[in-house]
């Protein structure tokens, strides 16, 4: 596509304008998960700010009269980021562009990439996801989970290691020091088996590793099953810290995060990143329309998943996630089970991300 979306009007921004708020901004949103996703600092934020939107992942606040961000306690100010309300509305490609890609997809597709992603089927994705769910709750990883996951990567031809996260590495043939990263967290909150959050994303990481095992790429690919995303993005931050300590952080060129990718039935999914990396989202949208049945929706308000620490480290990172306006009602609940999973939808998002890995790592012909 190479062009920014033709943006639709933001219904969220419009509703705010009609709601009688005395000022239209500035608006702020949290940068990270609060501990255990339970918004522990919400009471403190509300001392200084009024809530504008509180809809799951989307938490937006407006300073109370007389307060600016500079007057907040430093730790609180650092936990917030400015947000343009327009980016919180639906932002999908123009229907004409979507139709063009659908009609001309075969002309735009790389046959090598199409052959790779066709190996990801609904049944293969179902098997990967189901095998993770069988371990039950993973707020504390069962003792058998890490050996099992490492063996699964080993069966695909990798030599994985476990240092807090489980990491498998595929070396590039021409630019081995340039890494494309695919990450999905393996932990859950307590009280749930986390079929959607996030066995769905972890299964996508396994599927990507499986179909790319014998594919030659110019750049290296790193597959990560991250730990303790649910208690503060700790696994992603740990990986970043280790890479930084080794002087290798600049080697990470792009990061794709898979979190909650297997519920929706409308085919819409979110591409979430920071405004600085909007072109990354645009390219992913182009790939989605070229290789999948999905409709991409761009969100420029990164929050609360493993892409955020990478963005803070100034690394282009992006989250693929189910469309949040129609996300699972079982988020962080006991009902997040296999009964709620749309395996075809999860398969399609996985196919997109594998196509992206092949595109960014560049296939060797």
Protein backbone atom coordinates (compact mmCIF):
# COMPACT_ATOMS: atom_id res chain seq x y z
CA UNK A 1 0.00 0.00 0.00
CA UNK A 2 2.71 2.47 1.01
CA UNK A 3 0.13 5.11 1.96
CA UNK A 4 -1.44 6.04 5.26
CA UNK A 5 -5.02 4.99 5.80
CA UNK A 6 -7.84 7.29 4.85
CA UNK A 7 -8.88 7.93 8.45
CA UNK A 8 -12.46 7.63 9.55
CA UNK A 9 -13.99 10.02 12.05
CA UNK A 10 -13.25 9.05 15.62
CA UNK A 11 -16.51 8.21 17.33
CA UNK A 12 -14.73 8.28 20.66
CA UNK A 13 -13.45 11.80 20.10
CA UNK A 14 -16.87 12.88 18.88
CA UNK A 15 -18.62 11.44 21.92
CA UNK A 16 -16.21 13.29 24.19
CA UNK A 17 -16.81 16.54 22.36
CA UNK A 18 -20.55 16.04 22.84
CA UNK A 19 -20.27 15.06 26.50
CA UNK A 20 -19.69 18.57 27.84
CA UNK A 21 -16.05 18.34 28.87
CA UNK A 22 -14.74 21.82 29.56
CA UNK A 23 -11.53 21.29 27.63
CA UNK A 24 -10.55 19.06 24.74
CA UNK A 25 -7.24 17.90 26.08
CA UNK A 26 -4.56 17.40 26.80
CA UNK A 27 -5.35 13.74 27.35
CA UNK A 28 -3.12 11.10 28.92
CA UNK A 29 -3.09 7.32 28.97
CA UNK A 30 -1.13 4.82 31.10
CA UNK A 31 2.16 3.61 29.63
CA UNK A 32 2.33 0.20 31.33
CA UNK A 33 0.25 -2.41 33.02
CA UNK A 34 -0.29 -1.51 36.59
CA UNK A 35 0.74 -4.38 38.82
CA UNK A 36 -1.38 -7.45 38.05
CA UNK A 37 -3.53 -5.38 35.65
CA UNK A 38 -5.65 -4.20 38.57
CA UNK A 39 -5.05 -0.47 38.16
CA UNK A 40 -3.65 -0.05 41.68
CA UNK A 41 -2.66 3.56 41.04
CA UNK A 42 -6.06 4.59 39.68
CA UNK A 43 -7.05 6.19 43.00
CA UNK A 44 -3.91 8.30 42.96
CA UNK A 45 -4.43 9.32 39.34
CA UNK A 46 -7.98 10.40 40.14
CA UNK A 47 -6.68 12.89 42.72
CA UNK A 48 -5.25 14.91 39.85
CA UNK A 49 -7.16 13.83 36.75
CA UNK A 50 -10.68 13.08 35.56
CA UNK A 51 -11.44 9.85 33.70
CA UNK A 52 -12.49 10.34 30.08
CA UNK A 53 -12.56 6.75 28.83
CA UNK A 54 -12.26 3.59 30.88
CA UNK A 55 -12.83 0.67 28.55
CA UNK A 56 -10.46 -2.20 29.30
CA UNK A 57 -7.17 -1.50 27.52
CA UNK A 58 -8.22 2.08 26.80
CA UNK A 59 -7.78 4.23 29.88
CA UNK A 60 -7.68 7.98 29.19
CA UNK A 61 -7.54 10.85 31.68
CA UNK A 62 -7.82 14.64 31.50
CA UNK A 63 -6.07 16.88 34.06
CA UNK A 64 -8.36 18.54 36.57
CA UNK A 65 -8.59 22.30 36.45
CA UNK A 66 -5.39 23.77 37.81
CA UNK A 67 -3.31 20.63 37.35
CA UNK A 68 -0.83 19.91 34.59
CA UNK A 69 1.36 16.88 34.15
CA UNK A 70 4.26 18.86 35.62
CA UNK A 71 2.39 19.18 38.92
CA UNK A 72 1.88 15.45 39.39
CA UNK A 73 4.24 13.38 41.56
CA UNK A 74 7.16 12.30 39.31
CA UNK A 75 6.39 8.57 39.55
CA UNK A 76 2.80 9.22 38.46
CA UNK A 77 3.76 11.57 35.63
CA UNK A 78 6.22 8.98 34.32
CA UNK A 79 3.47 6.36 34.21
CA UNK A 80 1.38 8.43 31.78
CA UNK A 81 1.81 9.42 28.15
CA UNK A 82 0.06 12.01 26.00
CA UNK A 83 -2.51 10.54 23.65
CA UNK A 84 -4.33 11.99 20.65
CA UNK A 85 -7.97 11.03 21.05
CA UNK A 86 -8.29 10.59 17.29
CA UNK A 87 -6.07 7.50 17.35
CA UNK A 88 -8.46 5.69 19.68
CA UNK A 89 -11.24 5.50 17.13
CA UNK A 90 -11.52 2.87 14.43
CA UNK A 91 -8.81 3.45 11.83
CA UNK A 92 -9.12 0.90 9.07
CA UNK A 93 -8.07 1.13 5.43
CA UNK A 94 -10.57 2.65 3.08
CA UNK A 95 -13.02 -0.01 1.85
CA UNK A 96 -11.89 0.61 -1.73
CA UNK A 97 -8.31 -0.22 -0.76
CA UNK A 98 -9.45 -3.33 1.08
CA UNK A 99 -11.42 -4.49 -1.95
CA UNK A 100 -8.49 -3.82 -4.27
CA UNK A 101 -6.19 -6.01 -2.18
CA UNK A 102 -8.78 -8.76 -1.97
CA UNK A 103 -9.25 -8.80 -5.73
CA UNK A 104 -5.55 -8.49 -6.58
CA UNK A 105 -4.02 -10.43 -3.67
CA UNK A 106 -2.58 -13.14 -5.91
CA UNK A 107 -0.67 -10.51 -7.88
CA UNK A 108 0.77 -8.91 -4.75
CA UNK A 109 1.76 -12.15 -2.98
CA UNK A 110 5.27 -13.54 -2.87
CA UNK A 111 4.81 -17.22 -3.86
CA UNK A 112 7.51 -18.31 -1.41
CA UNK A 113 5.79 -16.56 1.49
CA UNK A 114 2.39 -17.93 0.44
CA UNK A 115 3.82 -21.46 0.42
CA UNK A 116 5.20 -20.99 3.95
CA UNK A 117 2.06 -19.60 5.53
CA UNK A 118 -0.16 -22.20 3.87
CA UNK A 119 1.48 -24.73 6.21
CA UNK A 120 -0.33 -23.01 9.09
CA UNK A 121 -3.77 -24.56 9.16
CA UNK A 122 -6.66 -24.27 11.56
CA UNK A 123 -5.95 -27.80 12.81
CA UNK A 124 -2.21 -27.18 13.35
CA UNK A 125 -2.93 -23.97 15.21
CA UNK A 126 -5.62 -25.72 17.27
CA UNK A 127 -3.13 -28.43 18.29
CA UNK A 128 -0.52 -25.88 19.40
CA UNK A 129 -3.01 -23.83 21.41
CA UNK A 130 -4.72 -26.83 22.99
CA UNK A 131 -1.41 -28.34 24.06
CA UNK A 132 -0.58 -25.18 26.03
CA UNK A 133 -3.99 -24.94 27.66
CA UNK A 134 -3.64 -28.51 28.91
CA UNK A 135 -1.05 -27.26 31.41
CA UNK A 136 -3.80 -25.31 33.17
CA UNK A 137 -3.15 -22.07 35.00
CA UNK A 138 0.29 -20.59 34.29
CA UNK A 139 0.43 -17.65 36.69
CA UNK A 140 3.24 -19.76 38.15
CA UNK A 141 4.55 -21.99 35.39
CA UNK A 142 3.99 -25.70 36.04
CA UNK A 143 7.31 -27.49 36.55
CA UNK A 144 6.83 -29.53 33.39
CA UNK A 145 6.03 -26.58 31.11
CA UNK A 146 9.53 -25.28 30.39
CA UNK A 147 11.04 -28.71 29.52
CA UNK A 148 8.03 -29.41 27.31
CA UNK A 149 8.27 -26.08 25.48
CA UNK A 150 12.02 -26.43 24.99
CA UNK A 151 11.53 -29.91 23.58
CA UNK A 152 8.90 -28.61 21.19
CA UNK A 153 11.32 -26.01 19.84
CA UNK A 154 14.00 -28.73 19.67
CA UNK A 155 11.71 -30.89 17.54
CA UNK A 156 11.48 -27.97 15.11
CA UNK A 157 15.26 -27.88 14.78
CA UNK A 158 16.17 -25.14 17.27
CA UNK A 159 18.45 -25.10 20.33
CA UNK A 160 16.30 -23.10 22.76
CA UNK A 161 17.46 -21.77 26.11
CA UNK A 162 15.62 -20.79 29.26
CA UNK A 163 16.87 -17.94 31.41
CA UNK A 164 13.47 -16.57 32.56
CA UNK A 165 11.96 -16.50 29.09
CA UNK A 166 12.17 -19.38 26.62
CA UNK A 167 14.12 -18.22 23.59
CA UNK A 168 14.83 -19.93 20.26
CA UNK A 169 17.08 -18.44 17.62
CA UNK A 170 17.30 -18.80 13.86
CA UNK A 171 20.47 -17.35 12.37
CA UNK A 172 20.36 -15.22 9.24
CA UNK A 173 22.68 -16.05 6.39
CA UNK A 174 23.68 -12.55 5.28
CA UNK A 175 22.99 -10.21 8.20
CA UNK A 176 23.09 -12.47 11.28
CA UNK A 177 23.49 -9.52 13.65
CA UNK A 178 20.16 -8.04 12.58
CA UNK A 179 17.28 -9.60 14.50
CA UNK A 180 13.53 -9.72 13.85
CA UNK A 181 11.77 -10.73 17.07
CA UNK A 182 8.46 -12.56 17.53
CA UNK A 183 7.20 -12.61 21.12
CA UNK A 184 4.16 -13.96 22.95
CA UNK A 185 3.76 -14.36 26.69
CA UNK A 186 3.23 -17.81 28.19
CA UNK A 187 1.93 -16.80 31.63
CA UNK A 188 -1.64 -16.14 32.77
CA UNK A 189 -3.33 -14.29 35.59
CA UNK A 190 -4.43 -16.43 38.52
CA UNK A 191 -7.69 -18.34 38.29
CA UNK A 192 -7.74 -18.93 34.53
CA UNK A 193 -6.20 -21.31 32.01
CA UNK A 194 -5.78 -18.38 29.63
CA UNK A 195 -6.83 -19.95 26.34
CA UNK A 196 -7.04 -16.55 24.66
CA UNK A 197 -4.73 -14.69 27.06
CA UNK A 198 -2.30 -15.89 26.03
CA UNK A 199 -2.12 -19.49 24.90
CA UNK A 200 -3.34 -18.04 21.60
CA UNK A 201 -0.23 -15.88 21.11
CA UNK A 202 2.20 -18.47 22.47
CA UNK A 203 0.73 -21.02 20.04
CA UNK A 204 1.39 -18.54 17.24
CA UNK A 205 5.06 -18.38 18.24
CA UNK A 206 5.31 -22.17 18.09
CA UNK A 207 3.58 -22.27 14.70
CA UNK A 208 5.91 -19.61 13.31
CA UNK A 209 8.97 -21.51 14.52
CA UNK A 210 7.63 -24.71 13.02
CA UNK A 211 7.00 -23.46 9.48
CA UNK A 212 10.16 -21.35 9.32
CA UNK A 213 12.53 -24.04 10.57
CA UNK A 214 13.91 -24.90 7.12
CA UNK A 215 13.47 -21.48 5.55
CA UNK A 216 16.62 -19.52 4.77
CA UNK A 217 16.54 -15.83 5.64
CA UNK A 218 19.02 -13.00 5.32
CA UNK A 219 18.37 -11.69 8.85
CA UNK A 220 18.09 -13.63 12.07
CA UNK A 221 14.76 -14.40 13.74
CA UNK A 222 14.34 -14.67 17.51
CA UNK A 223 11.31 -16.46 18.96
CA UNK A 224 10.41 -15.62 22.56
CA UNK A 225 7.89 -17.14 24.95
CA UNK A 226 7.98 -14.43 27.60
CA UNK A 227 7.35 -14.82 31.31
CA UNK A 228 5.44 -12.60 33.74
CA UNK A 229 3.83 -10.29 31.22
CA UNK A 230 0.81 -10.25 33.48
CA UNK A 231 2.68 -8.77 36.44
CA UNK A 232 4.39 -5.89 34.68
CA UNK A 233 5.88 -6.96 31.32
CA UNK A 234 8.82 -8.41 33.24
CA UNK A 235 9.94 -11.01 30.69
CA UNK A 236 10.14 -8.53 27.82
CA UNK A 237 12.03 -6.06 29.99
CA UNK A 238 14.39 -8.83 31.12
CA UNK A 239 15.21 -9.70 27.50
CA UNK A 240 15.84 -6.04 26.68
CA UNK A 241 18.09 -5.60 29.72
CA UNK A 242 20.18 -8.68 28.83
CA UNK A 243 20.57 -7.52 25.23
CA UNK A 244 21.54 -4.06 26.43
CA UNK A 245 24.10 -5.41 28.90
CA UNK A 246 25.69 -7.41 26.08
CA UNK A 247 25.77 -4.34 23.83
CA UNK A 248 23.38 -6.00 21.38
CA UNK A 249 20.22 -3.95 21.78
CA UNK A 250 20.73 -2.12 18.47
CA UNK A 251 20.68 -5.47 16.70
CA UNK A 252 16.92 -5.75 17.24
CA UNK A 253 15.37 -4.21 14.14
CA UNK A 254 11.67 -5.04 14.56
CA UNK A 255 9.48 -6.72 17.17
CA UNK A 256 6.07 -8.33 16.62
CA UNK A 257 4.05 -9.14 19.72
CA UNK A 258 1.19 -11.69 19.73
CA UNK A 259 -1.27 -11.29 22.59
CA UNK A 260 -4.93 -12.37 22.64
CA UNK A 261 -5.38 -13.27 18.99
CA UNK A 262 -8.12 -15.90 18.99
CA UNK A 263 -11.58 -14.66 19.93
CA UNK A 264 -13.21 -12.30 17.43
CA UNK A 265 -15.51 -13.50 14.69
CA UNK A 266 -15.68 -10.28 12.66
CA UNK A 267 -12.22 -10.62 11.10
CA UNK A 268 -11.07 -7.25 12.45
CA UNK A 269 -7.85 -7.11 14.44
CA UNK A 270 -5.77 -4.31 15.95
CA UNK A 271 -2.25 -3.25 14.99
CA UNK A 272 -1.07 -1.29 18.02
CA UNK A 273 2.14 0.73 18.10
CA UNK A 274 3.47 4.21 18.84
CA UNK A 275 2.98 7.15 16.46
CA UNK A 276 6.73 7.06 15.68
CA UNK A 277 6.27 3.60 14.15
CA UNK A 278 3.06 4.20 12.25
CA UNK A 279 4.74 3.14 9.00
CA UNK A 280 5.37 -0.27 10.63
CA UNK A 281 1.64 -0.63 11.26
CA UNK A 282 0.88 0.47 7.70
CA UNK A 283 3.19 -2.21 6.30
CA UNK A 284 1.62 -4.85 8.53
CA UNK A 285 -1.82 -3.76 7.34
CA UNK A 286 -0.66 -4.14 3.76
CA UNK A 287 0.59 -7.66 4.50
CA UNK A 288 -2.68 -8.53 6.25
CA UNK A 289 -4.72 -7.53 3.23
CA UNK A 290 -2.30 -9.35 0.90
CA UNK A 291 -2.04 -12.68 2.69
CA UNK A 292 -5.07 -13.06 5.00
CA UNK A 293 -8.83 -12.62 5.31
CA UNK A 294 -8.35 -10.06 8.08
CA UNK A 295 -9.32 -6.40 8.28
CA UNK A 296 -6.58 -4.35 10.01
CA UNK A 297 -7.36 -1.55 12.45
CA UNK A 298 -4.50 0.77 13.41
CA UNK A 299 -4.17 1.95 17.01
CA UNK A 300 -1.43 4.44 17.94
CA UNK A 301 -1.73 4.16 21.70
CA UNK A 302 0.64 1.41 22.93
CA UNK A 303 -0.30 0.01 26.29
CA UNK A 304 0.02 -2.98 28.53
CA UNK A 305 1.73 -5.75 26.58
CA UNK A 306 5.23 -6.88 25.65
CA UNK A 307 5.68 -4.41 22.81
CA UNK A 308 5.74 -1.45 25.21
CA UNK A 309 9.22 -1.98 26.75
CA UNK A 310 10.68 -2.31 23.26
CA UNK A 311 9.02 0.93 22.17
CA UNK A 312 10.41 2.64 25.27
CA UNK A 313 13.85 1.35 24.23
CA UNK A 314 13.26 3.05 20.86
CA UNK A 315 12.90 -0.21 18.96
CA UNK A 316 10.12 -0.48 16.37
CA UNK A 317 7.60 -2.79 18.02
CA UNK A 318 3.98 -3.62 17.31
CA UNK A 319 1.20 -5.61 18.93
CA UNK A 320 -1.20 -7.82 17.00
CA UNK A 321 -4.32 -8.33 19.10
CA UNK A 322 -8.02 -9.00 18.63
CA UNK A 323 -10.09 -5.90 17.90
CA UNK A 324 -10.51 -4.44 21.35
CA UNK A 325 -14.01 -3.08 20.88
CA UNK A 326 -15.20 -6.66 20.38
CA UNK A 327 -12.63 -8.50 22.51
CA UNK A 328 -13.39 -11.56 24.58
CA UNK A 329 -15.73 -10.94 27.53
CA UNK A 330 -13.63 -13.53 29.40
CA UNK A 331 -10.48 -11.38 29.60
CA UNK A 332 -8.75 -12.36 32.88
CA UNK A 333 -11.72 -14.48 33.90
CA UNK A 334 -12.20 -18.16 34.60
CA UNK A 335 -14.28 -18.49 31.42
CA UNK A 336 -11.21 -17.89 29.20
CA UNK A 337 -11.35 -21.48 27.94
CA UNK A 338 -11.13 -23.34 24.66
CA UNK A 339 -14.90 -22.98 24.26
CA UNK A 340 -14.43 -19.29 23.47
CA UNK A 341 -11.65 -19.69 20.92
CA UNK A 342 -12.02 -18.84 17.22
CA UNK A 343 -9.22 -21.02 15.83
CA UNK A 344 -9.61 -19.74 12.28
CA UNK A 345 -9.17 -16.13 13.42
CA UNK A 346 -6.07 -17.03 15.46
CA UNK A 347 -4.70 -18.96 12.51
CA UNK A 348 -5.12 -15.95 10.23
CA UNK A 349 -3.28 -13.57 12.60
CA UNK A 350 -0.50 -16.16 12.91
CA UNK A 351 -0.25 -16.40 9.13
CA UNK A 352 0.06 -12.63 8.97
CA UNK A 353 2.89 -12.56 11.47
CA UNK A 354 4.77 -15.34 9.72
CA UNK A 355 4.41 -13.47 6.43
CA UNK A 356 5.80 -10.40 8.21
CA UNK A 357 8.77 -12.36 9.58
CA UNK A 358 9.54 -13.63 6.11
CA UNK A 359 9.18 -10.12 4.67
CA UNK A 360 11.35 -8.37 7.27
CA UNK A 361 13.97 -11.10 7.65
CA UNK A 362 14.03 -11.42 3.83
CA UNK A 363 13.95 -14.83 2.22
CA UNK A 364 17.06 -16.15 0.52
CA UNK A 365 16.04 -17.28 -2.93
